[in-house]
Amino acid sequence: MITEQRTGARPRVSTEGPQGQLTQQSSPELWGQLVARTFGLHSVIEGHSQVSPASSRAVFLLDKVDERAPETSLAPGQRLEPVHLHGVFDTSLHLCLSANRGQQLTELGWGEPHQYEDFGSAFMIYGPRTIAELDIVVSFIEESISFARGSVS
């Protein structure tokens, strides 16, 4: 489990409309690697987000369609959507984690609470700026998938 501090200042994030990252976006190449690595994870399938703009890509699980609890999905009451990646002009992502883990990642500078969330478990993670950050962000996605499955708390 990653516990290292993200370097540098936080990016600027929108305060209205869909929450998005306005500065420090990933390069198109890094964003493409993020997409490829995310949808290369075991038992993951890409779909249209049920709650995010059309440019976003939802992470659905092949082996779990229904949420185990509403706080494990970005679309409570719909198909389980533990993560969605925002488009190439934004490069951030939203995911669900336990409130404690999400707060830890916020304190470490990797993200911040989702501005439109109901359960204390939805967080925005900033787009990776380097290959090292890409590895870390993919590990957060894996944590979110495990949280959705009930493998971690």
Protein backbone atom coordinates (compact mmCIF):
# COMPACT_ATOMS: atom_id res chain seq x y z
CA MET A 1 0.00 0.00 0.00
CA ILE A 2 1.49 3.32 -1.13
CA THR A 3 2.19 5.78 1.68
CA GLU A 4 4.64 8.16 -0.01
CA GLN A 5 4.02 11.86 -0.48
CA ARG A 6 3.25 13.22 -3.97
CA THR A 7 5.82 15.86 -4.86
CA GLY A 8 5.02 19.42 -5.82
CA ALA A 9 1.94 21.56 -5.53
CA ARG A 10 -1.53 20.21 -6.11
CA PRO A 11 -3.09 20.88 -9.51
CA ARG A 12 -5.92 23.35 -9.87
CA VAL A 13 -9.32 21.62 -9.91
CA SER A 14 -12.68 22.91 -11.16
CA THR A 15 -15.10 24.15 -8.54
CA GLU A 16 -18.24 24.01 -10.72
CA GLY A 17 -19.78 21.40 -12.97
CA PRO A 18 -18.09 18.06 -13.28
CA GLN A 19 -15.03 17.92 -11.04
CA GLY A 20 -11.97 17.98 -13.26
CA GLN A 21 -8.24 18.63 -13.18
CA LEU A 22 -7.35 21.97 -14.82
CA THR A 23 -3.53 21.98 -14.53
CA GLN A 24 -0.68 19.43 -14.38
CA GLN A 25 -2.46 16.96 -16.66
CA SER A 26 -0.75 13.79 -17.80
CA SER A 27 0.83 13.86 -21.23
CA PRO A 28 -1.32 12.12 -23.87
CA GLU A 29 1.21 9.26 -23.85
CA LEU A 30 1.02 8.79 -20.07
CA TRP A 31 -2.76 9.03 -20.15
CA GLY A 32 -2.82 6.36 -22.87
CA GLN A 33 -0.65 4.13 -20.69
CA LEU A 34 -2.99 4.74 -17.74
CA VAL A 35 -5.97 3.64 -19.85
CA ALA A 36 -4.14 0.59 -21.21
CA ARG A 37 -2.89 -0.53 -17.81
CA THR A 38 -6.25 0.03 -16.15
CA PHE A 39 -8.18 -2.01 -18.70
CA GLY A 40 -5.45 -4.64 -18.71
CA LEU A 41 -6.18 -5.46 -15.06
CA HIS A 42 -7.67 -8.88 -14.30
CA SER A 43 -11.48 -9.14 -14.55
CA VAL A 44 -11.92 -5.51 -15.63
CA ILE A 45 -13.92 -4.28 -18.61
CA GLU A 46 -14.28 -0.80 -20.07
CA GLY A 47 -17.67 0.86 -20.41
CA HIS A 48 -19.45 4.20 -20.53
CA SER A 49 -19.57 5.93 -17.17
CA GLN A 50 -23.05 6.15 -15.71
CA VAL A 51 -22.29 9.43 -13.93
CA SER A 52 -19.42 11.19 -15.71
CA PRO A 53 -19.12 13.06 -19.04
CA ALA A 54 -19.02 11.02 -22.26
CA SER A 55 -15.22 11.36 -22.53
CA SER A 56 -14.85 9.31 -19.34
CA ARG A 57 -14.23 5.57 -19.26
CA ALA A 58 -15.89 3.46 -16.59
CA VAL A 59 -14.17 0.52 -14.95
CA PHE A 60 -16.64 -2.35 -14.60
CA LEU A 61 -15.86 -5.74 -13.12
CA LEU A 62 -16.50 -8.92 -15.09
CA ASP A 63 -17.14 -10.92 -11.94
CA LYS A 64 -19.24 -8.40 -9.96
CA VAL A 65 -22.10 -6.34 -11.38
CA ASP A 66 -23.89 -5.35 -8.17
CA GLU A 67 -22.36 -3.19 -5.45
CA ARG A 68 -21.83 -4.78 -2.04
CA ALA A 69 -22.52 -1.38 -0.46
CA PRO A 70 -23.37 2.02 -1.98
CA GLU A 71 -20.07 3.55 -0.85
CA THR A 72 -18.14 1.18 -3.14
CA SER A 73 -19.54 2.64 -6.37
CA LEU A 74 -19.48 6.02 -8.08
CA ALA A 75 -22.99 5.18 -9.35
CA PRO A 76 -24.82 3.83 -6.27
CA GLY A 77 -27.88 1.76 -7.14
CA GLN A 78 -26.68 1.16 -10.70
CA ARG A 79 -24.06 -1.18 -12.14
CA LEU A 80 -20.99 -1.26 -9.89
CA GLU A 81 -18.58 1.46 -11.09
CA PRO A 82 -15.70 1.68 -8.60
CA VAL A 83 -13.52 3.82 -10.89
CA HIS A 84 -13.81 6.01 -13.93
CA LEU A 85 -11.02 7.68 -15.86
CA HIS A 86 -11.59 11.18 -17.19
CA GLY A 87 -10.65 12.07 -20.75
CA VAL A 88 -7.28 13.03 -22.20
CA PHE A 89 -7.84 16.77 -21.63
CA ASP A 90 -8.40 16.19 -17.90
CA THR A 91 -6.49 12.94 -17.04
CA SER A 92 -7.70 12.70 -13.43
CA LEU A 93 -9.90 9.88 -12.22
CA HIS A 94 -12.54 9.25 -9.62
CA LEU A 95 -12.55 6.16 -7.45
CA CYS A 96 -14.02 4.75 -4.27
CA LEU A 97 -11.92 3.81 -1.26
CA SER A 98 -12.58 3.55 2.45
CA ALA A 99 -12.93 7.02 3.96
CA ASN A 100 -9.74 6.49 6.01
CA ARG A 101 -7.65 5.44 3.00
CA GLY A 102 -9.03 8.26 0.86
CA GLN A 103 -8.24 10.77 3.60
CA GLN A 104 -4.70 9.37 3.78
CA LEU A 105 -4.22 9.80 0.01
CA THR A 106 -5.60 13.33 0.28
CA GLU A 107 -3.11 14.16 3.05
CA LEU A 108 -0.29 12.66 0.95
CA GLY A 109 -1.24 14.99 -1.93
CA TRP A 110 -2.46 12.35 -4.44
CA GLY A 111 -6.00 13.62 -4.65
CA GLU A 112 -8.97 15.13 -2.86
CA PRO A 113 -12.53 14.27 -1.94
CA HIS A 114 -15.03 14.14 -4.80
CA GLN A 115 -17.01 17.38 -4.73
CA TYR A 116 -20.33 15.56 -5.32
CA GLU A 117 -20.19 12.52 -3.09
CA ASP A 118 -22.51 11.16 -0.45
CA PHE A 119 -20.65 8.52 1.57
CA GLY A 120 -17.15 9.90 2.28
CA SER A 121 -15.67 7.26 -0.03
CA ALA A 122 -15.38 8.96 -3.45
CA PHE A 123 -12.12 10.70 -4.32
CA MET A 124 -10.48 12.43 -7.25
CA ILE A 125 -6.96 11.17 -7.95
CA TYR A 126 -4.75 13.48 -9.99
CA GLY A 127 -3.42 12.34 -13.36
CA PRO A 128 0.12 10.92 -13.25
CA ARG A 129 2.95 13.21 -14.38
CA THR A 130 5.68 10.54 -14.61
CA ILE A 131 6.03 6.77 -15.10
CA ALA A 132 6.68 6.42 -11.35
CA GLU A 133 3.43 8.25 -10.61
CA LEU A 134 1.65 6.08 -13.19
CA ASP A 135 2.62 2.98 -11.21
CA ILE A 136 1.28 4.58 -8.03
CA VAL A 137 -2.01 5.70 -9.59
CA VAL A 138 -2.59 2.21 -11.04
CA SER A 139 -2.02 0.80 -7.54
CA PHE A 140 -4.79 3.13 -6.24
CA ILE A 141 -7.11 1.80 -8.95
CA GLU A 142 -6.29 -1.75 -7.84
CA GLU A 143 -7.07 -0.75 -4.23
CA SER A 144 -10.43 0.65 -5.32
CA ILE A 145 -11.30 -2.55 -7.18
CA SER A 146 -10.37 -4.58 -4.09
CA PHE A 147 -12.51 -2.26 -1.95
CA ALA A 148 -15.46 -2.77 -4.32
CA ARG A 149 -15.04 -6.55 -4.08
CA GLY A 150 -14.77 -6.42 -0.28
CA SER A 151 -11.17 -7.63 -0.28
CA VAL A 152 -9.95 -4.62 1.75
CA SER A 153 -11.63 -2.09 4.01
